């Protein structure tokens, strides 16, 4: 099994209210030349958690950190003008908290961080490091 010391939270950078599936992201990522969806999990608007890559597989979501991380993404992250915005639904908030809590149980040494902590972008459109510091 891979050594995991990082859980990176992402958004799909799609407008609020637009449901996105793991199959959608898989298609987008394949079009960009990836082997498959780059994330390990996707949280849909209604809080359903869909699996992407197996946790045992290296992701393709955070340059320079993929080998030792798990990628978690939620559908949304932009307002109607496509500007960064925390668009998480109450169901997504609960599902993300539950999923991240479960991942921390499996990987107790892993830090939870936002993609923006590693790249010059707004993703995931909220401060994941601060929000999940207590997990």
Protein backbone atom coordinates (compact mmCIF):
# COMPACT_ATOMS: atom_id res chain seq x y z
CA UNK A 1 0.00 0.00 0.00
CA UNK A 2 1.13 3.55 -0.68
CA UNK A 3 2.25 5.76 2.18
CA UNK A 4 -0.40 8.50 2.48
CA UNK A 5 0.41 11.66 4.39
CA UNK A 6 -1.83 14.11 2.53
CA UNK A 7 -5.51 14.40 1.64
CA UNK A 8 -6.12 17.15 -0.92
CA UNK A 9 -9.58 18.72 -1.30
CA UNK A 10 -10.61 19.98 -4.74
CA UNK A 11 -13.65 21.35 -6.55
CA UNK A 12 -14.75 20.67 -10.12
CA UNK A 13 -14.79 24.44 -10.89
CA UNK A 14 -18.34 24.17 -12.19
CA UNK A 15 -21.23 26.52 -11.38
CA UNK A 16 -23.39 26.11 -8.30
CA UNK A 17 -26.26 23.70 -8.84
CA UNK A 18 -24.68 21.81 -11.74
CA UNK A 19 -24.49 18.17 -10.78
CA UNK A 20 -21.30 16.45 -11.87
CA UNK A 21 -20.58 12.73 -11.69
CA UNK A 22 -17.35 10.79 -11.44
CA UNK A 23 -18.06 9.61 -15.00
CA UNK A 24 -18.18 13.25 -16.16
CA UNK A 25 -14.83 14.03 -14.53
CA UNK A 26 -13.37 10.80 -15.87
CA UNK A 27 -14.29 11.92 -19.40
CA UNK A 28 -12.83 15.41 -18.85
CA UNK A 29 -9.60 13.98 -17.49
CA UNK A 30 -9.27 11.40 -20.29
CA UNK A 31 -9.70 14.23 -22.81
CA UNK A 32 -6.74 15.93 -21.08
CA UNK A 33 -4.65 12.78 -21.54
CA UNK A 34 -5.07 11.15 -18.12
CA UNK A 35 -5.53 7.38 -17.85
CA UNK A 36 -8.74 7.93 -15.85
CA UNK A 37 -10.30 10.32 -13.35
CA UNK A 38 -7.52 11.91 -11.32
CA UNK A 39 -9.40 11.99 -8.00
CA UNK A 40 -10.07 9.13 -5.63
CA UNK A 41 -13.50 10.44 -4.57
CA UNK A 42 -16.13 12.84 -5.90
CA UNK A 43 -18.91 14.30 -3.73
CA UNK A 44 -22.05 15.11 -5.69
CA UNK A 45 -24.57 17.86 -4.92
CA UNK A 46 -26.87 15.51 -3.01
CA UNK A 47 -23.99 14.23 -0.88
CA UNK A 48 -23.50 10.95 -2.73
CA UNK A 49 -19.87 9.92 -2.70
CA UNK A 50 -18.62 8.32 -5.88
CA UNK A 51 -15.32 6.49 -6.13
CA UNK A 52 -12.78 7.53 -8.70
CA UNK A 53 -9.37 5.89 -8.73
CA UNK A 54 -8.76 3.19 -6.14
CA UNK A 55 -6.93 4.49 -3.07
CA UNK A 56 -4.11 2.08 -3.89
CA UNK A 57 -3.53 3.88 -7.21
CA UNK A 58 -1.56 7.11 -7.49
CA UNK A 59 -3.90 9.98 -8.32
CA UNK A 60 -3.51 12.77 -10.84
CA UNK A 61 -4.77 15.79 -8.94
CA UNK A 62 -1.94 17.71 -7.24
CA UNK A 63 1.33 18.07 -9.10
CA UNK A 64 4.29 16.93 -7.02
CA UNK A 65 2.11 15.34 -4.33
CA UNK A 66 0.16 12.59 -6.10
CA UNK A 67 2.32 9.66 -5.00
CA UNK A 68 1.55 10.24 -1.32
CA UNK A 69 -1.95 11.70 -1.38
CA UNK A 70 -5.64 10.99 -1.73
CA UNK A 71 -7.65 13.39 -3.92
CA UNK A 72 -11.18 14.32 -2.84
CA UNK A 73 -13.29 16.58 -5.06
CA UNK A 74 -16.74 18.14 -4.69
CA UNK A 75 -19.03 19.21 -7.53
CA UNK A 76 -19.10 23.00 -7.73
CA UNK A 77 -16.75 25.74 -6.65
CA UNK A 78 -17.89 28.57 -8.95
CA UNK A 79 -20.76 31.02 -8.95
CA UNK A 80 -22.97 31.74 -11.98
CA UNK A 81 -20.27 34.09 -13.37
CA UNK A 82 -17.69 31.27 -13.02
CA UNK A 83 -15.93 33.10 -10.20
CA UNK A 84 -14.60 31.04 -7.26
CA UNK A 85 -17.27 30.53 -4.61
CA UNK A 86 -17.95 28.04 -1.85
CA UNK A 87 -20.99 26.40 -3.40
CA UNK A 88 -21.12 23.29 -1.22
CA UNK A 89 -24.64 22.19 -0.44
CA UNK A 90 -25.49 21.16 3.12
CA UNK A 91 -25.43 17.54 1.89
CA UNK A 92 -21.96 18.02 0.42
CA UNK A 93 -20.69 19.61 3.63
CA UNK A 94 -21.90 16.62 5.66
CA UNK A 95 -20.59 14.09 3.15
CA UNK A 96 -17.19 15.76 2.90
CA UNK A 97 -16.86 15.85 6.68
CA UNK A 98 -17.84 12.18 6.94
CA UNK A 99 -15.52 11.10 4.10
CA UNK A 100 -12.57 13.09 5.40
CA UNK A 101 -13.15 11.73 8.91
CA UNK A 102 -13.09 8.18 7.54
CA UNK A 103 -9.93 8.86 5.55
CA UNK A 104 -8.23 10.32 8.64
CA UNK A 105 -9.04 7.10 10.51
CA UNK A 106 -7.30 5.10 7.75
CA UNK A 107 -4.45 7.60 7.38
CA UNK A 108 -4.04 9.23 10.81
CA UNK A 109 -0.79 10.99 9.85
CA UNK A 110 -2.31 12.62 6.77
CA UNK A 111 -2.84 16.37 6.69
CA UNK A 112 -6.00 17.67 5.05
CA UNK A 113 -5.23 20.56 2.72
CA UNK A 114 -6.88 22.44 -0.11
CA UNK A 115 -5.49 22.28 -3.63
CA UNK A 116 -4.93 26.05 -3.40
CA UNK A 117 -2.25 25.37 -0.79
CA UNK A 118 -0.14 23.78 -3.55
CA UNK A 119 -1.14 25.64 -6.72
CA UNK A 120 -1.89 29.20 -7.80
CA UNK A 121 -5.65 28.69 -7.97
CA UNK A 122 -8.71 29.15 -5.77
CA UNK A 123 -9.59 25.43 -5.68
CA UNK A 124 -11.52 24.28 -3.65
CA UNK A 125 -12.95 27.81 -3.20
CA UNK A 126 -12.79 27.64 0.62
CA UNK A 127 -10.03 27.20 3.20
CA UNK A 128 -10.03 23.42 3.60
CA UNK A 129 -6.90 23.48 5.76
CA UNK A 130 -8.64 25.69 8.34
CA UNK A 131 -12.05 24.05 8.10
CA UNK A 132 -10.78 20.52 8.66
CA UNK A 133 -7.92 21.32 11.06
CA UNK A 134 -9.76 19.55 13.89
CA UNK A 135 -10.01 16.20 12.15
